[in-house]
PDB file of N, CA and C in Angstrom:
ATOM      1  N   MET A   1      36.400 -67.855  26.185  1.00  0.00           N
ATOM      2  CA  MET A   1      37.205 -67.879  24.979  1.00  0.00           C
ATOM      3  C   MET A   1      36.459 -68.597  23.849  1.00  0.00           C
ATOM      4  N   GLN A   2      35.784 -69.665  24.211  1.00  0.00           N
ATOM      5  CA  GLN A   2      35.042 -70.425  23.216  1.00  0.00           C
ATOM      6  C   GLN A   2      33.892 -69.587  22.639  1.00  0.00           C
ATOM      7  N   LEU A   3      33.278 -68.780  23.481  1.00  0.00           N
ATOM      8  CA  LEU A   3      32.196 -67.909  23.040  1.00  0.00           C
ATOM      9  C   LEU A   3      32.705 -66.880  22.038  1.00  0.00           C
ATOM     10  N   ILE A   4      33.876 -66.348  22.260  1.00  0.00           N
ATOM     11  CA  ILE A   4      34.460 -65.365  21.342  1.00  0.00           C
ATOM     12  C   ILE A   4      34.750 -66.003  19.989  1.00  0.00           C
ATOM     13  N   GLU A   5      35.289 -67.221  19.998  1.00  0.00           N
ATOM     14  CA  GLU A   5      35.591 -67.918  18.744  1.00  0.00           C
ATOM     15  C   GLU A   5      34.324 -68.208  17.943  1.00  0.00           C
ATOM     16  N   SER A   6      33.277 -68.676  18.618  1.00  0.00           N
ATOM     17  CA  SER A   6      32.032 -68.979  17.903  1.00  0.00           C
ATOM     18  C   SER A   6      31.382 -67.689  17.404  1.00  0.00           C
ATOM     19  N   GLY A   7      31.500 -66.618  18.146  1.00  0.00           N
ATOM     20  CA  GLY A   7      30.962 -65.323  17.706  1.00  0.00           C
ATOM     21  C   GLY A   7      31.707 -64.794  16.503  1.00  0.00           C
ATOM     22  N   ALA A   8      33.017 -64.958  16.488  1.00  0.00           N
ATOM     23  CA  ALA A   8      33.820 -64.502  15.352  1.00  0.00           C
ATOM     24  C   ALA A   8      33.480 -65.308  14.106  1.00  0.00           C
ATOM     25  N   ARG A   9      33.253 -66.611  14.254  1.00  0.00           N
ATOM     26  CA  ARG A   9      32.859 -67.434  13.107  1.00  0.00           C
ATOM     27  C   ARG A   9      31.500 -67.000  12.575  1.00  0.00           C
ATOM     28  N   GLY A  10      30.581 -66.671  13.473  1.00  0.00           N
ATOM     29  CA  GLY A  10      29.250 -66.233  13.065  1.00  0.00           C
ATOM     30  C   GLY A  10      29.313 -64.917  12.306  1.00  0.00           C
ATOM     31  N   VAL A  11      30.110 -63.973  12.788  1.00  0.00           N
ATOM     32  CA  VAL A  11      30.268 -62.687  12.114  1.00  0.00           C
ATOM     33  C   VAL A  11      30.914 -62.884  10.751  1.00  0.00           C
ATOM     34  N   SER A  12      31.880 -63.766  10.674  1.00  0.00           N
ATOM     35  CA  SER A  12      32.548 -64.059   9.409  1.00  0.00           C
ATOM     36  C   SER A  12      31.559 -64.627   8.401  1.00  0.00           C
ATOM     37  N   MET A  13      30.690 -65.512   8.835  1.00  0.00           N
ATOM     38  CA  MET A  13      29.714 -66.115   7.921  1.00  0.00           C
ATOM     39  C   MET A  13      28.710 -65.069   7.431  1.00  0.00           C
ATOM     40  N   VAL A  14      28.240 -64.214   8.308  1.00  0.00           N
ATOM     41  CA  VAL A  14      27.300 -63.156   7.917  1.00  0.00           C
ATOM     42  C   VAL A  14      27.968 -62.214   6.912  1.00  0.00           C
ATOM     43  N   TYR A  15      29.223 -61.883   7.131  1.00  0.00           N
ATOM     44  CA  TYR A  15      29.952 -61.009   6.210  1.00  0.00           C
ATOM     45  C   TYR A  15      30.073 -61.667   4.837  1.00  0.00           C
ATOM     46  N   GLN A  16      30.406 -62.947   4.797  1.00  0.00           N
ATOM     47  CA  GLN A  16      30.535 -63.647   3.516  1.00  0.00           C
ATOM     48  C   GLN A  16      29.205 -63.709   2.787  1.00  0.00           C
ATOM     49  N   LEU A  17      28.126 -63.943   3.481  1.00  0.00           N
ATOM     50  CA  LEU A  17      26.814 -63.967   2.851  1.00  0.00           C
ATOM     51  C   LEU A  17      26.445 -62.589   2.318  1.00  0.00           C
ATOM     52  N   GLY A  18      26.779 -61.555   3.059  1.00  0.00           N
ATOM     53  CA  GLY A  18      26.484 -60.189   2.627  1.00  0.00           C
ATOM     54  C   GLY A  18      27.265 -59.824   1.379  1.00  0.00           C
ATOM     55  N   VAL A  19      28.522 -60.185   1.331  1.00  0.00           N
ATOM     56  CA  VAL A  19      29.353 -59.897   0.164  1.00  0.00           C
ATOM     57  C   VAL A  19      28.817 -60.646  -1.048  1.00  0.00           C
ATOM     58  N   ASP A  20      28.394 -61.879  -0.847  1.00  0.00           N
ATOM     59  CA  ASP A  20      27.852 -62.689  -1.936  1.00  0.00           C
ATOM     60  C   ASP A  20      26.585 -62.057  -2.500  1.00  0.00           C
ATOM     61  N   ARG A  21      25.761 -61.508  -1.634  1.00  0.00           N
ATOM     62  CA  ARG A  21      24.516 -60.880  -2.083  1.00  0.00           C
ATOM     63  C   ARG A  21      24.766 -59.576  -2.828  1.00  0.00           C
ATOM     64  N   ILE A  22      25.911 -58.967  -2.641  1.00  0.00           N
ATOM     65  CA  ILE A  22      26.254 -57.739  -3.364  1.00  0.00           C
ATOM     66  C   ILE A  22      26.960 -58.070  -4.675  1.00  0.00           C
ATOM     67  N   LEU A  23      27.863 -59.036  -4.661  1.00  0.00           N
ATOM     68  CA  LEU A  23      28.672 -59.337  -5.848  1.00  0.00           C
ATOM     69  C   LEU A  23      27.859 -59.924  -7.001  1.00  0.00           C
ATOM     70  N   ILE A  24      26.888 -60.756  -6.717  1.00  0.00           N
ATOM     71  CA  ILE A  24      26.121 -61.385  -7.795  1.00  0.00           C
ATOM     72  C   ILE A  24      25.324 -60.347  -8.593  1.00  0.00           C
ATOM     73  N   PRO A  25      24.560 -59.451  -7.970  1.00  0.00           N
ATOM     74  CA  PRO A  25      23.874 -58.428  -8.778  1.00  0.00           C
ATOM     75  C   PRO A  25      24.845 -57.509  -9.519  1.00  0.00           C
ATOM     76  N   LEU A  26      25.982 -57.198  -8.912  1.00  0.00           N
ATOM     77  CA  LEU A  26      26.969 -56.362  -9.603  1.00  0.00           C
ATOM     78  C   LEU A  26      27.528 -57.074 -10.829  1.00  0.00           C
ATOM     79  N   ALA A  27      27.762 -58.377 -10.719  1.00  0.00           N
ATOM     80  CA  ALA A  27      28.249 -59.147 -11.866  1.00  0.00           C
ATOM     81  C   ALA A  27      27.197 -59.180 -12.968  1.00  0.00           C
ATOM     82  N   ILE A  28      25.927 -59.304 -12.610  1.00  0.00           N
ATOM     83  CA  ILE A  28      24.856 -59.309 -13.604  1.00  0.00           C
ATOM     84  C   ILE A  28      24.781 -57.969 -14.313  1.00  0.00           C
ATOM     85  N   VAL A  29      24.829 -56.886 -13.560  1.00  0.00           N
ATOM     86  CA  VAL A  29      24.769 -55.545 -14.159  1.00  0.00           C
ATOM     87  C   VAL A  29      25.977 -55.300 -15.056  1.00  0.00           C
ATOM     88  N   ALA A  30      27.157 -55.713 -14.616  1.00  0.00           N
ATOM     89  CA  ALA A  30      28.360 -55.538 -15.439  1.00  0.00           C
ATOM     90  C   ALA A  30      28.261 -56.343 -16.725  1.00  0.00           C
ATOM     91  N   GLY A  31      27.732 -57.557 -16.653  1.00  0.00           N
ATOM     92  CA  GLY A  31      27.559 -58.374 -17.850  1.00  0.00           C
ATOM     93  C   GLY A  31      26.565 -57.764 -18.816  1.00  0.00           C
ATOM     94  N   LEU A  32      25.455 -57.257 -18.303  1.00  0.00           N
ATOM     95  CA  LEU A  32      24.465 -56.611 -19.170  1.00  0.00           C
ATOM     96  C   LEU A  32      25.027 -55.347 -19.816  1.00  0.00           C
ATOM     97  N   ALA A  33      25.761 -54.560 -19.053  1.00  0.00           N
ATOM     98  CA  ALA A  33      26.356 -53.338 -19.612  1.00  0.00           C
ATOM     99  C   ALA A  33      27.395 -53.684 -20.673  1.00  0.00           C
ATOM    100  N   GLY A  34      28.204 -54.695 -20.416  1.00  0.00           N
ATOM    101  CA  GLY A  34      29.201 -55.118 -21.404  1.00  0.00           C
ATOM    102  C   GLY A  34      28.549 -55.631 -22.671  1.00  0.00           C
ATOM    103  N   GLY A  35      27.480 -56.415 -22.537  1.00  0.00           N
ATOM    104  CA  GLY A  35      26.754 -56.906 -23.698  1.00  0.00           C
ATOM    105  C   GLY A  35      26.127 -55.781 -24.501  1.00  0.00           C
ATOM    106  N   ALA A  36      25.604 -54.784 -23.810  1.00  0.00           N
ATOM    107  CA  ALA A  36      25.014 -53.636 -24.501  1.00  0.00           C
ATOM    108  C   ALA A  36      26.078 -52.854 -25.268  1.00  0.00           C
ATOM    109  N   MET A  37      27.243 -52.694 -24.675  1.00  0.00           N
ATOM    110  CA  MET A  37      28.325 -51.974 -25.359  1.00  0.00           C
ATOM    111  C   MET A  37      28.783 -52.746 -26.595  1.00  0.00           C
ATOM    112  N   ILE A  38      28.963 -54.033 -26.459  1.00  0.00           N
ATOM    113  CA  ILE A  38      29.393 -54.856 -27.600  1.00  0.00           C
ATOM    114  C   ILE A  38      28.317 -54.856 -28.677  1.00  0.00           C
ATOM    115  N   GLY A  39      27.050 -54.982 -28.291  1.00  0.00           N
ATOM    116  CA  GLY A  39      25.960 -54.966 -29.252  1.00  0.00           C
ATOM    117  C   GLY A  39      25.868 -53.654 -30.006  1.00  0.00           C
ATOM    118  N   SER A  40      26.058 -52.550 -29.318  1.00  0.00           N
ATOM    119  CA  SER A  40      25.982 -51.250 -30.003  1.00  0.00           C
ATOM    120  C   SER A  40      27.156 -51.074 -30.967  1.00  0.00           C
ATOM    121  N   GLU A  41      28.324 -51.584 -30.609  1.00  0.00           N
ATOM    122  CA  GLU A  41      29.465 -51.503 -31.523  1.00  0.00           C
ATOM    123  C   GLU A  41      29.242 -52.364 -32.760  1.00  0.00           C
ATOM    124  N   ILE A  42      28.693 -53.548 -32.593  1.00  0.00           N
ATOM    125  CA  ILE A  42      28.404 -54.421 -33.736  1.00  0.00           C
ATOM    126  C   ILE A  42      27.355 -53.767 -34.632  1.00  0.00           C
ATOM    127  N   ALA A  43      26.318 -53.190 -34.049  1.00  0.00           N
ATOM    128  CA  ALA A  43      25.271 -52.538 -34.837  1.00  0.00           C
ATOM    129  C   ALA A  43      25.846 -51.348 -35.604  1.00  0.00           C
ATOM    130  N   ARG A  44      26.754 -50.616 -34.975  1.00  0.00           N
ATOM    131  CA  ARG A  44      27.350 -49.463 -35.653  1.00  0.00           C
ATOM    132  C   ARG A  44      28.245 -49.914 -36.800  1.00  0.00           C
ATOM    133  N   MET A  45      28.949 -51.034 -36.645  1.00  0.00           N
ATOM    134  CA  MET A  45      29.817 -51.536 -37.711  1.00  0.00           C
ATOM    135  C   MET A  45      29.004 -52.050 -38.893  1.00  0.00           C
ATOM    136  N   GLN A  46      27.807 -52.579 -38.643  1.00  0.00           N
ATOM    137  CA  GLN A  46      26.994 -53.145 -39.708  1.00  0.00           C
ATOM    138  C   GLN A  46      26.108 -52.110 -40.389  1.00  0.00           C
ATOM    139  N   ALA A  47      25.930 -50.961 -39.816  1.00  0.00           N
ATOM    140  CA  ALA A  47      25.059 -49.940 -40.391  1.00  0.00           C
ATOM    141  C   ALA A  47      25.727 -49.347 -41.629  1.00  0.00           C
ATOM    142  N   PRO A  48      24.947 -49.088 -42.683  1.00  0.00           N
ATOM    143  CA  PRO A  48      25.523 -48.485 -43.883  1.00  0.00           C
ATOM    144  C   PRO A  48      25.904 -47.023 -43.621  1.00  0.00           C
ATOM    145  N   GLU A  49      26.934 -46.583 -44.316  1.00  0.00           N
ATOM    146  CA  GLU A  49      27.372 -45.192 -44.176  1.00  0.00           C
ATOM    147  C   GLU A  49      26.338 -44.274 -44.817  1.00  0.00           C
ATOM    148  N   SER A  50      25.983 -43.243 -44.120  1.00  0.00           N
ATOM    149  CA  SER A  50      25.024 -42.278 -44.637  1.00  0.00           C
ATOM    150  C   SER A  50      25.636 -40.884 -44.538  1.00  0.00           C
ATOM    151  N   PRO A  51      25.561 -40.091 -45.587  1.00  0.00           N
ATOM    152  CA  PRO A  51      26.153 -38.744 -45.513  1.00  0.00           C
ATOM    153  C   PRO A  51      25.372 -37.824 -44.577  1.00  0.00           C
ATOM    154  N   TYR A  52      24.144 -38.202 -44.220  1.00  0.00           N
ATOM    155  CA  TYR A  52      23.319 -37.356 -43.369  1.00  0.00           C
ATOM    156  C   TYR A  52      23.509 -37.610 -41.877  1.00  0.00           C
ATOM    157  N   MET A  53      24.210 -38.715 -41.538  1.00  0.00           N
ATOM    158  CA  MET A  53      24.412 -39.059 -40.121  1.00  0.00           C
ATOM    159  C   MET A  53      25.844 -38.719 -39.713  1.00  0.00           C
ATOM    160  N   HIS A  54      25.983 -38.107 -38.556  1.00  0.00           N
ATOM    161  CA  HIS A  54      27.315 -37.744 -38.060  1.00  0.00           C
ATOM    162  C   HIS A  54      27.600 -38.459 -36.799  1.00  0.00           C
TER     163      HIS A  54
END
């Protein structure tokens, strides 16, 4: 019984480490994509109106 409990704790720790290794890069990519979207909107708002651009 003790072996099963220690094995379950080990599997739980490996799962948590794996999730952590996936979530951090996803958070970085989401932050970069959000910053790019906000930056492009700001650039579009500051650009002068041109009759030649649609």
